[in-house]
Amino acid sequence: MTLQNKEEKIKKEFLLLKNWEEKYEYIIDLGKNLPKKSNIFRSEDKLIHGCQSNIWLEAKLKGVRIFFDADSDALLPRGMAAIMIRIYSGHFPFEIISYKANFISEIGFRTFLSPIRANGILLFLKKIKFYAIAFNEKISVSLNGNNT
């Protein structure tokens, strides 16, 4: 499934929800379904700085695709992380680098979330793109046979 297909599916899910209270509940439910990680996972190198709550993001390259995992100490950010993982996990780095995350504004996250929480989503997305750029470079070096 493409990034756009995943995004469209999530936008349709949110369209079924009648108001922001239902949307909050849905996001919190998604957060409850994201497996809680150990303290080992919750390391400083995975912490996304600048978010209202603590949120940790891990990226692993499997073959030439990136897979993400995340955790947070608060349910709403855990739910937002679950959405982001659902969209971006399993894709090629170059897809993630060039993809514009329209769903953030189209669903209305910037309007119904506090400015600090909305900024947290953007920081989370920035970190995802950072990993994609780093892994894209690693793949490029590997394919070109350069070890320097």
N, C-alpha and C. Protein backbone atom coordinates (compact mmCIF):
# COMPACT_ATOMS: atom_id res chain seq x y z
N MET A 1 0.84 -1.17 0.00
CA MET A 1 0.00 0.00 0.00
C MET A 1 0.90 1.25 0.00
N THR A 2 0.58 2.21 -0.81
CA THR A 2 1.38 3.42 -0.91
C THR A 2 1.13 4.33 0.30
N LEU A 3 2.03 5.29 0.47
CA LEU A 3 1.86 6.28 1.53
C LEU A 3 0.54 7.02 1.34
N GLN A 4 0.23 7.38 0.12
CA GLN A 4 -1.01 8.11 -0.15
C GLN A 4 -2.23 7.25 0.18
N ASN A 5 -2.19 5.96 -0.16
CA ASN A 5 -3.30 5.07 0.17
C ASN A 5 -3.51 4.97 1.68
N LYS A 6 -2.41 4.85 2.41
CA LYS A 6 -2.49 4.77 3.87
C LYS A 6 -3.07 6.06 4.44
N GLU A 7 -2.60 7.19 3.91
CA GLU A 7 -3.09 8.48 4.37
C GLU A 7 -4.59 8.62 4.09
N GLU A 8 -5.01 8.22 2.91
CA GLU A 8 -6.43 8.32 2.54
C GLU A 8 -7.30 7.46 3.46
N LYS A 9 -6.80 6.28 3.79
CA LYS A 9 -7.55 5.39 4.68
C LYS A 9 -7.74 6.04 6.06
N ILE A 10 -6.70 6.64 6.57
CA ILE A 10 -6.79 7.30 7.87
C ILE A 10 -7.73 8.50 7.81
N LYS A 11 -7.65 9.28 6.74
CA LYS A 11 -8.55 10.43 6.59
C LYS A 11 -10.01 9.97 6.55
N LYS A 12 -10.28 8.85 5.89
CA LYS A 12 -11.65 8.32 5.84
C LYS A 12 -12.12 7.89 7.22
N GLU A 13 -11.23 7.29 8.00
CA GLU A 13 -11.57 6.90 9.37
C GLU A 13 -11.98 8.11 10.19
N PHE A 14 -11.24 9.20 10.04
CA PHE A 14 -11.54 10.41 10.81
C PHE A 14 -12.82 11.09 10.32
N LEU A 15 -13.15 10.94 9.05
CA LEU A 15 -14.40 11.51 8.53
C LEU A 15 -15.63 10.85 9.15
N LEU A 16 -15.48 9.60 9.57
CA LEU A 16 -16.59 8.88 10.19
C LEU A 16 -16.89 9.36 11.61
N LEU A 17 -15.93 10.03 12.20
CA LEU A 17 -16.09 10.52 13.57
C LEU A 17 -16.81 11.86 13.54
N LYS A 18 -17.80 12.01 14.40
CA LYS A 18 -18.71 13.16 14.33
C LYS A 18 -18.14 14.46 14.88
N ASN A 19 -17.32 14.37 15.92
CA ASN A 19 -16.81 15.59 16.54
C ASN A 19 -15.41 15.33 17.09
N TRP A 20 -14.81 16.41 17.64
CA TRP A 20 -13.44 16.28 18.12
C TRP A 20 -13.33 15.40 19.35
N GLU A 21 -14.40 15.30 20.12
CA GLU A 21 -14.38 14.40 21.28
C GLU A 21 -14.20 12.96 20.80
N GLU A 22 -14.94 12.57 19.78
CA GLU A 22 -14.80 11.22 19.22
C GLU A 22 -13.42 11.02 18.62
N LYS A 23 -12.88 12.06 17.99
CA LYS A 23 -11.54 11.96 17.40
C LYS A 23 -10.48 11.78 18.48
N TYR A 24 -10.61 12.52 19.57
CA TYR A 24 -9.70 12.34 20.70
C TYR A 24 -9.77 10.91 21.23
N GLU A 25 -10.99 10.41 21.43
CA GLU A 25 -11.17 9.05 21.93
C GLU A 25 -10.54 8.03 20.99
N TYR A 26 -10.71 8.24 19.69
CA TYR A 26 -10.15 7.33 18.70
C TYR A 26 -8.61 7.34 18.77
N ILE A 27 -8.04 8.53 18.86
CA ILE A 27 -6.58 8.64 18.95
C ILE A 27 -6.07 7.98 20.23
N ILE A 28 -6.78 8.20 21.33
CA ILE A 28 -6.39 7.57 22.60
C ILE A 28 -6.48 6.05 22.50
N ASP A 29 -7.52 5.54 21.85
CA ASP A 29 -7.64 4.09 21.65
C ASP A 29 -6.47 3.55 20.84
N LEU A 30 -6.08 4.29 19.81
CA LEU A 30 -4.91 3.87 19.02
C LEU A 30 -3.67 3.82 19.90
N GLY A 31 -3.55 4.80 20.80
CA GLY A 31 -2.42 4.83 21.73
C GLY A 31 -2.43 3.65 22.67
N LYS A 32 -3.61 3.26 23.11
CA LYS A 32 -3.72 2.10 24.01
C LYS A 32 -3.30 0.81 23.31
N ASN A 33 -3.50 0.76 21.99
CA ASN A 33 -3.15 -0.44 21.22
C ASN A 33 -1.68 -0.50 20.84
N LEU A 34 -0.97 0.60 20.97
CA LEU A 34 0.47 0.60 20.68
C LEU A 34 1.17 -0.06 21.86
N PRO A 35 1.89 -1.14 21.61
CA PRO A 35 2.53 -1.86 22.73
C PRO A 35 3.47 -0.95 23.53
N LYS A 36 3.33 -1.02 24.85
CA LYS A 36 4.19 -0.26 25.74
C LYS A 36 5.59 -0.87 25.73
N LYS A 37 6.58 -0.02 25.71
CA LYS A 37 7.97 -0.46 25.61
C LYS A 37 8.64 -0.45 26.98
N SER A 38 9.75 -1.15 27.03
CA SER A 38 10.53 -1.21 28.27
C SER A 38 11.32 0.08 28.45
N ASN A 39 11.89 0.23 29.62
CA ASN A 39 12.74 1.39 29.89
C ASN A 39 13.98 1.38 29.02
N ILE A 40 14.41 0.22 28.57
CA ILE A 40 15.56 0.13 27.66
C ILE A 40 15.23 0.82 26.34
N PHE A 41 14.00 0.62 25.85
CA PHE A 41 13.57 1.28 24.62
C PHE A 41 13.54 2.79 24.81
N ARG A 42 13.12 3.23 25.98
CA ARG A 42 12.94 4.66 26.26
C ARG A 42 14.28 5.33 26.58
N SER A 43 15.19 5.26 25.64
CA SER A 43 16.52 5.83 25.83
C SER A 43 16.58 7.26 25.28
N GLU A 44 17.56 7.99 25.73
CA GLU A 44 17.74 9.39 25.36
C GLU A 44 17.91 9.56 23.85
N ASP A 45 18.59 8.63 23.19
CA ASP A 45 18.83 8.76 21.75
C ASP A 45 17.55 8.61 20.92
N LYS A 46 16.51 8.05 21.49
CA LYS A 46 15.23 7.89 20.78
C LYS A 46 14.22 8.98 21.14
N LEU A 47 14.52 9.75 22.16
CA LEU A 47 13.61 10.78 22.64
C LEU A 47 13.51 11.93 21.63
N ILE A 48 12.29 12.35 21.34
CA ILE A 48 12.08 13.50 20.45
C ILE A 48 11.96 14.72 21.34
N HIS A 49 12.91 15.60 21.23
CA HIS A 49 12.96 16.80 22.07
C HIS A 49 12.03 17.87 21.52
N GLY A 50 11.37 18.59 22.43
CA GLY A 50 10.49 19.68 22.05
C GLY A 50 9.02 19.33 22.13
N CYS A 51 8.71 18.09 22.43
CA CYS A 51 7.31 17.68 22.56
C CYS A 51 6.83 17.94 23.99
N GLN A 52 5.54 18.13 24.15
CA GLN A 52 4.95 18.38 25.46
C GLN A 52 5.12 17.16 26.37
N SER A 53 4.92 15.98 25.81
CA SER A 53 5.10 14.72 26.53
C SER A 53 6.35 14.04 26.02
N ASN A 54 6.84 13.08 26.77
CA ASN A 54 7.98 12.30 26.29
C ASN A 54 7.49 11.33 25.22
N ILE A 55 8.18 11.33 24.10
CA ILE A 55 7.87 10.39 23.04
C ILE A 55 9.19 9.91 22.44
N TRP A 56 9.26 8.59 22.25
CA TRP A 56 10.47 7.97 21.75
C TRP A 56 10.17 7.33 20.40
N LEU A 57 11.11 7.46 19.47
CA LEU A 57 10.96 6.89 18.14
C LEU A 57 12.21 6.10 17.79
N GLU A 58 12.00 4.90 17.27
CA GLU A 58 13.09 4.05 16.81
C GLU A 58 12.84 3.70 15.36
N ALA A 59 13.90 3.68 14.58
CA ALA A 59 13.80 3.30 13.18
C ALA A 59 14.82 2.20 12.91
N LYS A 60 14.37 1.19 12.18
CA LYS A 60 15.26 0.10 11.78
C LYS A 60 15.14 -0.11 10.29
N LEU A 61 16.27 -0.32 9.67
CA LEU A 61 16.32 -0.61 8.26
C LEU A 61 16.33 -2.12 8.08
N LYS A 62 15.32 -2.63 7.39
CA LYS A 62 15.25 -4.06 7.09
C LYS A 62 15.26 -4.18 5.58
N GLY A 63 16.40 -4.65 5.06
CA GLY A 63 16.58 -4.65 3.61
C GLY A 63 16.74 -3.20 3.18
N VAL A 64 15.80 -2.72 2.38
CA VAL A 64 15.85 -1.32 1.94
C VAL A 64 14.59 -0.55 2.37
N ARG A 65 13.89 -1.08 3.36
CA ARG A 65 12.70 -0.42 3.88
C ARG A 65 12.90 -0.06 5.35
N ILE A 66 12.24 1.01 5.77
CA ILE A 66 12.35 1.48 7.15
C ILE A 66 11.10 1.04 7.93
N PHE A 67 11.35 0.58 9.15
CA PHE A 67 10.27 0.21 10.05
C PHE A 67 10.43 1.01 11.34
N PHE A 68 9.34 1.59 11.79
CA PHE A 68 9.36 2.47 12.95
C PHE A 68 8.64 1.82 14.13
N ASP A 69 9.08 2.22 15.31
CA ASP A 69 8.41 1.83 16.54
C ASP A 69 8.48 3.04 17.46
N ALA A 70 7.50 3.19 18.32
CA ALA A 70 7.46 4.37 19.18
C ALA A 70 6.78 4.07 20.50
N ASP A 71 6.97 4.98 21.42
CA ASP A 71 6.30 4.91 22.71
C ASP A 71 6.20 6.32 23.27
N SER A 72 5.29 6.52 24.19
CA SER A 72 5.13 7.80 24.85
C SER A 72 4.62 7.56 26.26
N ASP A 73 4.83 8.55 27.11
CA ASP A 73 4.33 8.45 28.48
C ASP A 73 2.91 9.02 28.60
N ALA A 74 2.30 9.40 27.48
CA ALA A 74 0.94 9.94 27.49
C ALA A 74 0.14 9.30 26.34
N LEU A 75 -1.15 9.09 26.57
CA LEU A 75 -1.97 8.35 25.59
C LEU A 75 -2.19 9.09 24.28
N LEU A 76 -2.45 10.39 24.31
CA LEU A 76 -2.69 11.11 23.07
C LEU A 76 -1.46 11.08 22.15
N PRO A 77 -0.26 11.39 22.64
CA PRO A 77 0.91 11.28 21.78
C PRO A 77 1.17 9.84 21.32
N ARG A 78 0.85 8.86 22.17
CA ARG A 78 1.00 7.45 21.75
C ARG A 78 0.09 7.16 20.56
N GLY A 79 -1.12 7.70 20.60
CA GLY A 79 -2.06 7.51 19.50
C GLY A 79 -1.58 8.19 18.23
N MET A 80 -1.05 9.40 18.38
CA MET A 80 -0.51 10.10 17.22
C MET A 80 0.68 9.33 16.65
N ALA A 81 1.52 8.79 17.53
CA ALA A 81 2.66 7.98 17.07
C ALA A 81 2.17 6.74 16.33
N ALA A 82 1.10 6.13 16.83
CA ALA A 82 0.54 4.95 16.17
C ALA A 82 0.09 5.28 14.75
N ILE A 83 -0.52 6.45 14.58
CA ILE A 83 -0.95 6.88 13.24
C ILE A 83 0.27 7.06 12.33
N MET A 84 1.28 7.74 12.83
CA MET A 84 2.48 8.00 12.02
C MET A 84 3.19 6.69 11.64
N ILE A 85 3.28 5.77 12.59
CA ILE A 85 3.90 4.48 12.30
C ILE A 85 3.10 3.74 11.24
N ARG A 86 1.80 3.77 11.38
CA ARG A 86 0.92 3.10 10.42
C ARG A 86 1.13 3.63 9.00
N ILE A 87 1.36 4.91 8.88
CA ILE A 87 1.55 5.50 7.57
C ILE A 87 2.95 5.22 7.02
N TYR A 88 3.98 5.47 7.81
CA TYR A 88 5.35 5.50 7.29
C TYR A 88 6.12 4.19 7.39
N SER A 89 5.76 3.31 8.30
CA SER A 89 6.52 2.09 8.49
C SER A 89 6.40 1.16 7.29
N GLY A 90 7.54 0.59 6.89
CA GLY A 90 7.56 -0.37 5.79
C GLY A 90 7.82 0.24 4.42
N HIS A 91 8.14 1.52 4.38
CA HIS A 91 8.37 2.17 3.09
C HIS A 91 9.85 2.38 2.81
N PHE A 92 10.13 2.66 1.54
CA PHE A 92 11.49 2.99 1.13
C PHE A 92 11.83 4.39 1.64
N PRO A 93 13.09 4.61 2.04
CA PRO A 93 13.46 5.94 2.51
C PRO A 93 13.14 7.05 1.52
N PHE A 94 13.41 6.83 0.22
CA PHE A 94 13.17 7.89 -0.76
C PHE A 94 11.70 8.27 -0.84
N GLU A 95 10.80 7.32 -0.58
CA GLU A 95 9.37 7.63 -0.58
C GLU A 95 9.03 8.59 0.56
N ILE A 96 9.58 8.31 1.71
CA ILE A 96 9.31 9.11 2.91
C ILE A 96 9.89 10.51 2.75
N ILE A 97 11.09 10.59 2.21
CA ILE A 97 11.76 11.89 2.05
C ILE A 97 10.93 12.83 1.19
N SER A 98 10.39 12.32 0.11
CA SER A 98 9.69 13.19 -0.84
C SER A 98 8.20 13.36 -0.55
N TYR A 99 7.65 12.60 0.40
CA TYR A 99 6.22 12.63 0.63
C TYR A 99 5.80 13.81 1.51
N LYS A 100 4.76 14.48 1.10
CA LYS A 100 4.20 15.59 1.88
C LYS A 100 3.05 15.05 2.73
N ALA A 101 3.11 15.29 4.02
CA ALA A 101 2.12 14.76 4.96
C ALA A 101 0.90 15.68 4.99
N ASN A 102 0.04 15.55 4.00
CA ASN A 102 -1.15 16.40 3.92
C ASN A 102 -2.20 16.06 4.97
N PHE A 103 -2.19 14.83 5.46
CA PHE A 103 -3.23 14.40 6.39
C PHE A 103 -3.22 15.21 7.68
N ILE A 104 -2.06 15.72 8.08
CA ILE A 104 -1.96 16.47 9.34
C ILE A 104 -2.89 17.67 9.32
N SER A 105 -2.87 18.42 8.24
CA SER A 105 -3.76 19.59 8.16
C SER A 105 -5.16 19.20 7.69
N GLU A 106 -5.26 18.20 6.81
CA GLU A 106 -6.58 17.82 6.27
C GLU A 106 -7.48 17.20 7.34
N ILE A 107 -6.91 16.46 8.27
CA ILE A 107 -7.71 15.91 9.37
C ILE A 107 -8.03 17.02 10.37
N GLY A 108 -7.16 18.01 10.43
CA GLY A 108 -7.40 19.14 11.32
C GLY A 108 -6.62 19.07 12.62
N PHE A 109 -5.55 18.27 12.64
CA PHE A 109 -4.77 18.15 13.86
C PHE A 109 -4.25 19.50 14.34
N ARG A 110 -3.90 20.36 13.43
CA ARG A 110 -3.35 21.66 13.82
C ARG A 110 -4.39 22.55 14.48
N THR A 111 -5.66 22.29 14.21
CA THR A 111 -6.70 23.15 14.78
C THR A 111 -7.27 22.59 16.08
N PHE A 112 -7.36 21.27 16.23
CA PHE A 112 -7.99 20.75 17.44
C PHE A 112 -6.97 20.38 18.52
N LEU A 113 -5.71 20.27 18.16
CA LEU A 113 -4.68 20.01 19.17
C LEU A 113 -4.12 21.33 19.66
N SER A 114 -3.61 21.32 20.86
CA SER A 114 -2.94 22.51 21.36
C SER A 114 -1.72 22.79 20.46
N PRO A 115 -1.27 24.03 20.40
CA PRO A 115 -0.10 24.34 19.55
C PRO A 115 1.12 23.49 19.90
N ILE A 116 1.31 23.21 21.19
CA ILE A 116 2.48 22.40 21.58
C ILE A 116 2.33 20.97 21.07
N ARG A 117 1.13 20.39 21.16
CA ARG A 117 0.90 19.03 20.67
C ARG A 117 1.01 18.99 19.14
N ALA A 118 0.46 20.00 18.47
CA ALA A 118 0.56 20.06 17.01
C ALA A 118 2.02 20.17 16.59
N ASN A 119 2.80 20.94 17.34
CA ASN A 119 4.23 21.04 17.06
C ASN A 119 4.91 19.70 17.27
N GLY A 120 4.44 18.94 18.26
CA GLY A 120 5.00 17.61 18.52
C GLY A 120 4.83 16.68 17.33
N ILE A 121 3.69 16.76 16.67
CA ILE A 121 3.47 15.94 15.48
C ILE A 121 4.48 16.30 14.40
N LEU A 122 4.69 17.59 14.23
CA LEU A 122 5.65 18.04 13.21
C LEU A 122 7.07 17.61 13.57
N LEU A 123 7.42 17.65 14.86
CA LEU A 123 8.74 17.19 15.29
C LEU A 123 8.88 15.68 15.06
N PHE A 124 7.81 14.94 15.30
CA PHE A 124 7.81 13.49 15.07
C PHE A 124 8.04 13.22 13.58
N LEU A 125 7.32 13.94 12.73
CA LEU A 125 7.48 13.78 11.29
C LEU A 125 8.89 14.16 10.84
N LYS A 126 9.42 15.22 11.41
CA LYS A 126 10.78 15.65 11.08
C LYS A 126 11.79 14.55 11.42
N LYS A 127 11.59 13.88 12.55
CA LYS A 127 12.50 12.80 12.97
C LYS A 127 12.36 11.60 12.02
N ILE A 128 11.14 11.31 11.59
CA ILE A 128 10.93 10.23 10.62
C ILE A 128 11.69 10.54 9.33
N LYS A 129 11.60 11.77 8.87
CA LYS A 129 12.29 12.18 7.64
C LYS A 129 13.80 12.16 7.85
N PHE A 130 14.26 12.53 9.04
CA PHE A 130 15.69 12.47 9.35
C PHE A 130 16.20 11.04 9.19
N TYR A 131 15.47 10.08 9.78
CA TYR A 131 15.86 8.68 9.64
C TYR A 131 15.84 8.25 8.17
N ALA A 132 14.85 8.68 7.43
CA ALA A 132 14.74 8.32 6.02
C ALA A 132 15.95 8.84 5.23
N ILE A 133 16.35 10.06 5.51
CA ILE A 133 17.52 10.63 4.82
C ILE A 133 18.78 9.85 5.17
N ALA A 134 18.96 9.55 6.45
CA ALA A 134 20.14 8.81 6.89
C ALA A 134 20.18 7.41 6.28
N PHE A 135 19.05 6.71 6.30
CA PHE A 135 19.01 5.37 5.73
C PHE A 135 19.12 5.39 4.21
N ASN A 136 18.59 6.41 3.58
CA ASN A 136 18.72 6.54 2.13
C ASN A 136 20.19 6.67 1.74
N GLU A 137 20.92 7.46 2.52
CA GLU A 137 22.35 7.62 2.28
C GLU A 137 23.08 6.29 2.51
N LYS A 138 22.72 5.59 3.55
CA LYS A 138 23.34 4.29 3.85
C LYS A 138 23.10 3.30 2.72
N ILE A 139 21.89 3.27 2.19
CA ILE A 139 21.56 2.38 1.07
C ILE A 139 22.35 2.78 -0.17
N SER A 140 22.43 4.07 -0.43
CA SER A 140 23.15 4.59 -1.59
C SER A 140 24.62 4.19 -1.53
N VAL A 141 25.23 4.38 -0.36
CA VAL A 141 26.64 4.01 -0.19
C VAL A 141 26.81 2.51 -0.39
N SER A 142 25.90 1.73 0.16
CA SER A 142 25.97 0.28 0.05
C SER A 142 25.83 -0.18 -1.40
N LEU A 143 24.90 0.42 -2.13
CA LEU A 143 24.69 0.05 -3.53
C LEU A 143 25.84 0.46 -4.43
N ASN A 144 26.50 1.56 -4.08
CA ASN A 144 27.63 2.03 -4.87
C ASN A 144 28.93 1.36 -4.49
N GLY A 145 28.90 0.55 -3.44
CA GLY A 145 30.09 -0.18 -3.03
C GLY A 145 31.11 0.66 -2.32
N ASN A 146 30.70 1.84 -1.88
CA ASN A 146 31.63 2.72 -1.14
C ASN A 146 31.51 2.44 0.34
N ASN A 147 32.62 2.26 0.99
CA ASN A 147 32.60 2.02 2.43
C ASN A 147 33.17 3.19 3.21
N THR A 148 33.34 4.33 2.56
CA THR A 148 33.89 5.49 3.25
C THR A 148 32.82 6.45 3.65
